[in-house]
N, C-alpha and C. Protein backbone atom coordinates (compact mmCIF):
# COMPACT_ATOMS: atom_id res chain seq x y z
N MET A 1 0.96 -1.31 -0.02
CA MET A 1 0.10 0.10 -0.02
C MET A 1 0.87 1.20 0.02
N THR A 2 0.44 2.08 -1.02
CA THR A 2 1.32 3.49 -0.89
C THR A 2 0.62 4.44 -0.10
N VAL A 3 1.53 5.27 0.57
CA VAL A 3 0.82 6.50 1.41
C VAL A 3 1.22 7.74 0.65
N PRO A 4 0.24 8.48 0.36
CA PRO A 4 0.64 10.01 -0.13
C PRO A 4 1.68 10.70 0.30
N VAL A 5 2.42 11.49 -0.07
CA VAL A 5 3.54 12.04 0.27
C VAL A 5 2.88 13.11 1.32
N SER A 6 1.81 13.76 1.07
CA SER A 6 1.18 14.86 1.82
C SER A 6 0.63 14.18 3.15
N ILE A 7 0.11 13.07 3.24
CA ILE A 7 -0.17 12.53 4.53
C ILE A 7 1.24 12.23 5.47
N VAL A 8 2.21 11.74 4.58
CA VAL A 8 3.39 11.47 5.19
C VAL A 8 4.19 12.68 5.75
N GLU A 9 4.07 13.63 5.35
CA GLU A 9 4.57 15.10 5.59
C GLU A 9 3.81 15.64 6.71
N ALA A 10 2.31 15.51 6.63
CA ALA A 10 1.37 16.01 7.68
C ALA A 10 1.75 15.25 8.98
N ALA A 11 2.02 13.97 8.99
CA ALA A 11 2.17 13.11 10.08
C ALA A 11 3.56 13.46 10.60
N ARG A 12 4.69 13.90 9.86
CA ARG A 12 5.98 14.26 10.23
C ARG A 12 5.78 15.55 11.19
N ARG A 13 4.93 16.60 10.59
CA ARG A 13 4.75 17.81 11.27
C ARG A 13 4.09 17.49 12.51
N VAL A 14 3.39 16.98 12.82
CA VAL A 14 2.57 16.42 13.75
C VAL A 14 3.46 15.95 14.94
N ALA A 15 4.25 14.90 14.52
CA ALA A 15 5.36 14.32 15.20
C ALA A 15 6.39 15.21 15.69
N SER A 16 6.90 16.20 14.88
CA SER A 16 7.69 17.31 15.36
C SER A 16 7.21 18.22 16.22
N ALA A 17 5.90 18.66 16.01
CA ALA A 17 5.14 19.47 17.05
C ALA A 17 5.15 18.74 18.35
N THR A 18 4.48 17.73 18.42
CA THR A 18 4.34 16.88 19.60
C THR A 18 5.86 16.73 20.20
N HIS A 19 6.79 16.50 19.84
CA HIS A 19 8.17 16.25 20.46
C HIS A 19 8.63 17.79 21.00
N ALA A 20 8.46 18.92 20.16
CA ALA A 20 8.76 20.11 20.50
C ALA A 20 7.77 20.79 21.73
N GLY A 21 6.48 20.24 21.70
CA GLY A 21 5.89 20.60 23.03
C GLY A 21 6.18 19.62 24.19
N SER A 22 6.79 18.41 23.99
CA SER A 22 7.17 17.77 25.24
C SER A 22 8.50 18.41 25.79
N MET A 23 9.38 18.60 24.72
CA MET A 23 10.79 19.49 25.38
C MET A 23 10.35 20.64 25.78
N ASN A 24 9.39 21.59 25.51
CA ASN A 24 9.19 22.81 26.03
C ASN A 24 8.70 22.33 27.32
N ALA A 25 7.68 21.61 27.60
CA ALA A 25 6.96 21.17 28.86
C ALA A 25 8.24 20.86 29.96
N ARG A 26 9.22 20.07 29.55
CA ARG A 26 10.39 19.61 30.32
C ARG A 26 11.21 20.85 30.64
N ARG A 27 11.43 21.79 29.82
CA ARG A 27 12.21 22.89 30.07
C ARG A 27 11.32 23.70 31.14
N ARG A 28 10.04 24.11 30.78
CA ARG A 28 9.27 24.69 31.87
C ARG A 28 9.39 23.81 33.34
N HIS A 29 9.31 22.66 33.50
CA HIS A 29 9.12 21.97 34.54
C HIS A 29 10.56 22.05 35.26
N SER A 30 11.50 21.83 34.62
CA SER A 30 12.92 22.11 35.15
C SER A 30 13.23 23.29 35.59
N ALA A 31 12.82 24.50 34.97
CA ALA A 31 12.97 25.89 35.29
C ALA A 31 12.24 25.95 36.58
N LEU A 32 10.99 25.37 36.82
CA LEU A 32 10.37 25.84 38.15
C LEU A 32 10.87 24.90 39.26
N VAL A 33 11.28 23.46 39.09
CA VAL A 33 11.71 22.75 40.03
C VAL A 33 13.08 23.13 40.24
N LEU A 34 14.10 23.24 39.33
CA LEU A 34 15.45 23.38 39.58
C LEU A 34 15.86 24.76 39.58
N GLY A 35 15.17 25.72 39.06
CA GLY A 35 15.84 27.04 39.06
C GLY A 35 16.54 27.15 37.56
N ARG A 36 16.53 26.29 36.70
CA ARG A 36 17.40 26.53 35.49
C ARG A 36 16.68 25.46 34.62
N VAL A 37 17.14 25.93 33.17
CA VAL A 37 16.52 25.09 32.30
C VAL A 37 17.34 23.75 31.97
N GLU A 38 16.69 22.70 31.92
CA GLU A 38 17.64 21.35 31.86
C GLU A 38 16.74 20.60 31.17
N THR A 39 17.20 20.04 30.01
CA THR A 39 16.52 19.16 29.18
C THR A 39 16.81 17.47 29.48
N ARG A 40 17.84 17.29 30.26
CA ARG A 40 18.27 15.92 30.67
C ARG A 40 16.98 15.33 31.65
N GLU A 41 17.20 14.11 31.80
CA GLU A 41 16.09 13.55 32.84
C GLU A 41 16.59 13.91 34.26
N ASP A 42 15.71 14.30 35.09
CA ASP A 42 16.03 14.61 36.54
C ASP A 42 15.00 13.86 37.25
N ALA A 43 15.33 13.45 38.20
CA ALA A 43 14.43 12.66 39.24
C ALA A 43 13.37 13.46 39.78
N THR A 44 13.82 14.57 40.23
CA THR A 44 13.02 15.68 41.03
C THR A 44 11.92 16.32 40.18
N VAL A 45 12.63 16.53 38.83
CA VAL A 45 11.60 17.04 37.77
C VAL A 45 10.63 15.95 37.36
N ASN A 46 11.04 14.62 37.31
CA ASN A 46 10.05 13.71 36.97
C ASN A 46 8.96 13.44 37.93
N LEU A 47 9.51 13.51 39.42
CA LEU A 47 8.52 13.37 40.39
C LEU A 47 7.55 14.61 40.53
N PHE A 48 8.00 15.83 40.00
CA PHE A 48 7.03 16.97 39.75
C PHE A 48 5.93 16.64 38.85
N ARG A 49 6.69 16.08 37.61
CA ARG A 49 5.83 15.87 36.33
C ARG A 49 4.76 14.90 36.71
N ASP A 50 5.03 13.80 37.25
CA ASP A 50 4.12 12.77 37.63
C ASP A 50 3.00 13.19 38.57
N SER A 51 3.48 14.12 39.59
CA SER A 51 2.53 14.71 40.39
C SER A 51 1.55 15.69 39.71
N LEU A 52 1.94 16.25 38.97
CA LEU A 52 1.00 17.25 37.86
C LEU A 52 0.05 16.28 37.29
N ARG A 53 0.61 14.99 36.67
CA ARG A 53 -0.29 14.41 35.89
C ARG A 53 -1.20 13.49 36.88
N ASP A 54 -0.88 13.19 37.99
CA ASP A 54 -1.90 12.59 38.92
C ASP A 54 -2.89 13.58 39.20
N ILE A 55 -2.59 15.02 39.36
CA ILE A 55 -3.53 15.96 39.67
C ILE A 55 -4.46 16.09 38.52
N GLU A 56 -3.85 16.05 37.35
CA GLU A 56 -4.75 16.24 35.99
C GLU A 56 -5.68 15.02 35.94
N ARG A 57 -5.38 14.06 36.45
CA ARG A 57 -6.18 12.76 36.07
C ARG A 57 -7.59 13.01 36.97
N VAL A 58 -7.13 13.54 38.20
CA VAL A 58 -8.48 13.67 39.01
C VAL A 58 -9.26 14.94 38.63
N ARG A 59 -8.57 16.06 37.99
CA ARG A 59 -9.10 17.17 37.75
C ARG A 59 -10.21 16.78 36.65
N HIS A 60 -9.81 16.17 35.49
CA HIS A 60 -10.51 15.80 34.47
C HIS A 60 -10.95 14.25 34.49
N PRO A 61 -11.68 13.84 35.37
CA PRO A 61 -12.16 12.21 35.38
C PRO A 61 -13.09 11.77 34.37
N GLY A 62 -13.83 12.80 33.56
CA GLY A 62 -14.61 12.45 32.64
C GLY A 62 -14.21 12.16 31.28
N ARG A 63 -12.68 12.17 31.27
CA ARG A 63 -12.24 11.94 29.81
C ARG A 63 -11.92 10.38 29.54
N GLY A 64 -12.86 9.77 29.73
CA GLY A 64 -12.70 8.16 29.37
C GLY A 64 -12.16 7.43 30.76
N ARG A 65 -11.75 8.23 31.61
CA ARG A 65 -10.88 7.50 32.91
C ARG A 65 -11.93 7.41 33.90
N GLU A 66 -11.81 6.22 34.57
CA GLU A 66 -12.42 5.98 35.90
C GLU A 66 -11.63 6.33 36.76
N VAL A 67 -12.10 7.05 38.00
CA VAL A 67 -11.29 7.26 39.21
C VAL A 67 -11.18 6.38 40.18
N ASP A 68 -10.24 5.82 40.52
CA ASP A 68 -10.13 4.87 41.67
C ASP A 68 -10.15 5.44 42.90
N MET A 69 -11.04 5.53 43.68
CA MET A 69 -11.16 6.36 45.06
C MET A 69 -10.05 6.05 45.92
N ASP A 70 -9.73 4.66 45.92
CA ASP A 70 -8.42 4.11 46.94
C ASP A 70 -7.50 4.72 46.74
N ASP A 71 -7.21 4.57 45.17
CA ASP A 71 -5.92 5.28 44.99
C ASP A 71 -5.84 6.74 44.92
N LEU A 72 -6.73 7.17 44.84
CA LEU A 72 -7.03 8.80 44.84
C LEU A 72 -6.73 9.29 46.25
N ARG A 73 -7.28 8.48 47.14
CA ARG A 73 -7.00 8.96 48.67
C ARG A 73 -5.49 8.88 48.98
N THR A 74 -4.93 7.89 48.31
CA THR A 74 -3.16 8.04 48.70
C THR A 74 -2.40 8.79 47.69
N ARG A 75 -2.69 8.81 46.44
CA ARG A 75 -2.08 9.51 45.31
C ARG A 75 -1.93 11.20 45.33
N PHE A 76 -3.49 11.38 45.52
CA PHE A 76 -3.70 12.85 45.28
C PHE A 76 -3.09 13.72 46.49
N PRO A 77 -3.08 13.45 47.81
CA PRO A 77 -2.66 14.03 48.94
C PRO A 77 -1.05 14.22 48.51
N ARG A 78 -0.43 13.05 48.32
CA ARG A 78 1.20 13.17 47.81
C ARG A 78 1.60 13.98 46.74
N ALA A 79 0.66 14.00 45.76
CA ALA A 79 0.83 14.90 44.47
C ALA A 79 0.78 16.28 44.86
N LEU A 80 -0.15 16.66 45.51
CA LEU A 80 -0.38 18.08 46.02
C LEU A 80 0.60 18.46 46.84
N GLN A 81 1.22 17.76 47.61
CA GLN A 81 2.32 17.92 48.64
C GLN A 81 3.73 18.25 47.95
N VAL A 82 3.78 17.24 46.67
CA VAL A 82 5.00 17.56 45.77
C VAL A 82 4.88 19.07 45.25
N VAL A 83 3.66 19.31 44.38
CA VAL A 83 3.48 20.65 43.80
C VAL A 83 3.60 21.70 44.77
N GLU A 84 3.02 21.67 45.91
CA GLU A 84 3.07 22.86 46.79
C GLU A 84 4.51 22.90 47.36
N GLY A 85 5.22 21.88 47.61
CA GLY A 85 6.80 21.89 47.94
C GLY A 85 7.46 22.60 47.10
N VAL A 86 7.16 22.38 45.62
CA VAL A 86 8.08 22.92 44.69
C VAL A 86 7.78 24.74 44.71
N LEU A 87 6.57 24.70 44.70
CA LEU A 87 6.03 26.13 44.77
C LEU A 87 6.25 27.06 45.81
N GLN A 88 6.43 26.41 46.85
CA GLN A 88 6.91 27.05 48.07
C GLN A 88 8.26 27.25 48.23
N SER A 89 9.15 26.42 47.84
CA SER A 89 10.67 26.48 47.58
C SER A 89 11.23 27.60 46.53
N ARG A 90 10.45 27.65 45.50
CA ARG A 90 10.56 28.57 44.33
C ARG A 90 10.28 30.08 44.80
N LEU A 91 9.06 30.13 45.41
CA LEU A 91 8.61 31.47 45.68
C LEU A 91 9.80 32.03 47.23
N THR A 92 9.84 30.93 47.97
CA THR A 92 10.67 31.44 49.10
C THR A 92 12.07 31.92 48.39
N ASN A 93 12.82 31.38 47.44
CA ASN A 93 13.93 31.75 46.97
C ASN A 93 13.67 33.12 46.15
N PHE A 94 12.77 33.12 45.42
CA PHE A 94 12.27 34.50 44.79
C PHE A 94 12.68 35.72 45.67
N PHE A 95 11.78 35.48 46.83
CA PHE A 95 11.33 36.56 47.82
C PHE A 95 12.95 37.05 48.52
N GLU A 96 13.49 35.96 48.76
CA GLU A 96 14.90 36.32 49.48
C GLU A 96 15.84 36.64 48.55
N THR A 97 15.55 36.57 47.23
CA THR A 97 16.53 37.37 46.44
C THR A 97 16.29 38.74 46.35
N VAL A 98 14.77 38.65 46.23
CA VAL A 98 14.14 40.38 46.27
C VAL A 98 14.69 41.06 47.47
N ASP A 99 14.43 40.34 48.57
CA ASP A 99 15.19 41.14 49.71
C ASP A 99 16.76 41.29 49.91
N ASP A 100 17.50 40.34 49.32
CA ASP A 100 18.88 40.62 49.30
C ASP A 100 19.20 41.66 48.13
N LEU A 101 18.47 41.89 46.78
CA LEU A 101 18.66 42.91 46.22
C LEU A 101 18.26 44.15 46.67
N SER A 102 17.29 44.26 47.44
CA SER A 102 16.81 45.53 47.98
C SER A 102 18.02 45.92 48.87
N ASP A 103 18.51 45.10 49.68
CA ASP A 103 19.58 45.66 50.74
C ASP A 103 20.67 46.00 49.97
N LEU A 104 21.17 45.40 48.78
CA LEU A 104 22.26 45.67 47.98
C LEU A 104 21.89 47.23 47.15
N LEU A 105 20.61 47.41 47.04
CA LEU A 105 20.52 48.61 46.28
C LEU A 105 20.46 49.74 47.48
N ASP A 106 19.95 49.56 48.60
CA ASP A 106 19.91 50.52 49.68
C ASP A 106 21.43 50.89 49.96
N ALA A 107 22.30 49.93 50.04
CA ALA A 107 23.79 50.07 50.45
C ALA A 107 24.29 50.73 49.41
N ALA A 108 24.09 50.46 47.92
CA ALA A 108 24.48 51.06 46.94
C ALA A 108 24.22 52.72 46.90
N ASN A 109 23.14 52.90 47.29
CA ASN A 109 22.66 54.09 47.29
C ASN A 109 22.85 55.14 48.35
N GLU A 110 23.52 54.52 49.48
CA GLU A 110 23.82 55.18 50.97
C GLU A 110 24.99 56.12 50.41
N ARG A 111 24.79 57.41 50.91
CA ARG A 111 25.99 58.28 50.79
C ARG A 111 26.82 58.32 51.73
N GLU A 112 27.90 58.77 51.43
CA GLU A 112 29.08 58.40 52.34
C GLU A 112 28.87 59.38 53.69
N ASP A 113 28.50 60.67 53.38
CA ASP A 113 28.46 61.24 54.52
C ASP A 113 27.28 61.33 55.71
N GLY A 114 26.61 60.06 55.13
CA GLY A 114 25.52 59.49 55.89
C GLY A 114 24.09 60.24 55.64
N ALA A 115 23.99 61.06 55.00
CA ALA A 115 22.85 61.71 54.60
C ALA A 115 21.84 60.77 53.67
N VAL A 116 20.71 61.08 53.52
CA VAL A 116 19.79 60.24 52.85
C VAL A 116 19.14 61.16 51.95
N ASP A 117 19.22 60.72 50.67
CA ASP A 117 18.52 61.18 49.62
C ASP A 117 16.95 60.90 49.82
N ILE A 118 16.25 61.88 49.38
CA ILE A 118 14.63 61.61 49.35
C ILE A 118 13.99 61.81 47.92
């Protein structure tokens, strides 16, 4: 059976777009979890990604998936804890950095004679 070139090209474009989307998601997840863009496999990023996937499965139960309530009672709280931990860590680091930069700016703007500019 011969497949028309246009169908092969369309399938190639879909596969390429799917791969690009997966790589972009991996980059976003690593930036959030690690604080840097990383495309290699990382156990912490994988844990975060799997936790998000578990939350999504519960959030959209009507998409042909049945929700196992026993599984939900154990996996969902763990998934939320992982996501919460990542967000808390990233936000804490962000605000600590903002505080440090503010202190640096204050020190840089301090006049040598002790006077304060308003």
